[in-house]
Amino acid sequence: MFHLLIPAAVAVAYAIAGLVVLSYSAVQEWIKQKAVTNGYVDLIKEKLENGHYTVIAGAFSPTGTAVAGRTWTNIRIDDSLRSQFGERNAIRIQT
């Protein structure tokens, strides 16, 4: 069982250090797992004082009912995700 804790501990250490880099493909994978047909996903990014980001994702049904949510905190975003946001802090993706 101890061997199962090591990857989790490493992930936590990377997150604390701000070494986690969020890509658009990782966000797309979350969308694929959580979103519903004909719904939408709202993504919001907030730049932190340390230069890292918090990214919040919310998946919604066609009627606007929340079906899933996810928050990535103290992360860096890669160029693919940065280009999706452009100059905006929020985007909507139709599913």
Protein backbone atom coordinates (compact mmCIF):
# COMPACT_ATOMS: atom_id res chain seq x y z
CA MET A 1 0.00 0.00 0.00
CA PHE A 2 2.89 2.36 0.69
CA HIS A 3 3.88 2.20 -2.99
CA LEU A 4 0.47 3.66 -3.87
CA LEU A 5 1.09 6.71 -1.70
CA ILE A 6 4.32 7.71 -3.40
CA PRO A 7 2.75 8.95 -6.69
CA ALA A 8 0.14 10.89 -4.73
CA ALA A 9 2.82 12.47 -2.55
CA VAL A 10 4.85 13.44 -5.61
CA ALA A 11 1.77 15.00 -7.23
CA VAL A 12 1.06 17.02 -4.09
CA ALA A 13 4.69 18.17 -3.91
CA TYR A 14 4.60 19.29 -7.55
CA ALA A 15 1.33 21.13 -7.00
CA ILE A 16 2.72 22.89 -3.94
CA ALA A 17 5.82 23.88 -5.87
CA GLY A 18 3.70 25.11 -8.77
CA LEU A 19 5.29 22.69 -11.19
CA VAL A 20 2.01 21.31 -12.50
CA VAL A 21 1.38 22.48 -16.05
CA LEU A 22 -2.19 22.30 -17.31
CA SER A 23 -2.61 21.71 -21.04
CA TYR A 24 -5.64 22.14 -23.26
CA SER A 25 -5.56 18.41 -24.03
CA ALA A 26 -5.89 17.66 -20.28
CA VAL A 27 -8.87 20.00 -20.10
CA GLN A 28 -10.38 18.35 -23.20
CA GLU A 29 -9.98 14.94 -21.54
CA TRP A 30 -11.86 16.21 -18.45
CA ILE A 31 -14.56 17.63 -20.74
CA LYS A 32 -14.85 14.31 -22.57
CA GLN A 33 -15.36 12.50 -19.24
CA LYS A 34 -17.75 14.97 -17.59
CA ALA A 35 -19.67 16.99 -20.17
CA VAL A 36 -23.10 16.10 -21.54
CA THR A 37 -24.21 16.19 -25.17
CA ASN A 38 -25.48 19.61 -26.31
CA GLY A 39 -24.32 21.21 -23.07
CA TYR A 40 -21.38 23.50 -22.47
CA VAL A 41 -18.31 23.96 -20.31
CA ASP A 42 -17.24 27.29 -18.87
CA LEU A 43 -13.54 27.75 -18.12
CA ILE A 44 -12.33 30.60 -15.92
CA LYS A 45 -8.69 31.43 -15.24
CA GLU A 46 -7.35 33.66 -12.52
CA LYS A 47 -3.72 34.72 -12.37
CA LEU A 48 -2.26 34.50 -8.89
CA GLU A 49 0.27 36.87 -7.35
CA ASN A 50 3.02 34.24 -7.78
CA GLY A 51 2.41 34.17 -11.56
CA HIS A 52 0.66 30.80 -11.50
CA TYR A 53 -3.05 30.28 -12.18
CA THR A 54 -6.24 28.85 -10.80
CA VAL A 55 -8.43 27.37 -13.54
CA ILE A 56 -12.06 26.53 -12.79
CA ALA A 57 -14.13 24.32 -15.10
CA GLY A 58 -17.88 23.86 -14.90
CA ALA A 59 -19.85 21.47 -17.10
CA PHE A 60 -23.50 22.30 -17.67
CA SER A 61 -26.50 20.61 -19.26
CA PRO A 62 -28.33 22.24 -22.19
CA THR A 63 -30.71 23.81 -19.64
CA GLY A 64 -27.86 25.27 -17.58
CA THR A 65 -27.85 22.74 -14.74
CA ALA A 66 -24.36 22.12 -13.34
CA VAL A 67 -23.32 18.51 -13.90
CA ALA A 68 -19.62 18.59 -12.92
CA GLY A 69 -16.91 20.92 -11.74
CA ARG A 70 -13.16 20.92 -11.36
CA THR A 71 -10.59 23.37 -10.02
CA TRP A 72 -6.87 23.26 -10.75
CA THR A 73 -4.98 25.48 -8.29
CA ASN A 74 -1.50 27.01 -8.26
CA ILE A 75 -0.67 25.66 -11.71
CA ARG A 76 0.98 26.92 -14.84
CA ILE A 77 -0.87 26.82 -18.13
CA ASP A 78 0.80 25.73 -21.34
CA ASP A 79 0.70 27.57 -24.66
CA SER A 80 -2.16 25.45 -26.02
CA LEU A 81 -4.47 26.44 -23.16
CA ARG A 82 -3.20 30.01 -23.12
CA SER A 83 -4.08 30.35 -26.81
CA GLN A 84 -7.64 29.10 -26.13
CA PHE A 85 -8.13 31.89 -23.59
CA GLY A 86 -6.38 34.56 -25.64
CA GLU A 87 -6.80 37.83 -23.74
CA ARG A 88 -9.96 36.61 -21.99
CA ASN A 89 -10.24 35.19 -18.49
CA ALA A 90 -13.29 33.07 -19.32
CA ILE A 91 -14.33 30.94 -22.28
CA ARG A 92 -17.31 28.73 -23.13
CA ILE A 93 -16.94 25.45 -25.01
CA GLN A 94 -20.04 23.86 -26.55
CA THR A 95 -20.24 20.09 -26.10
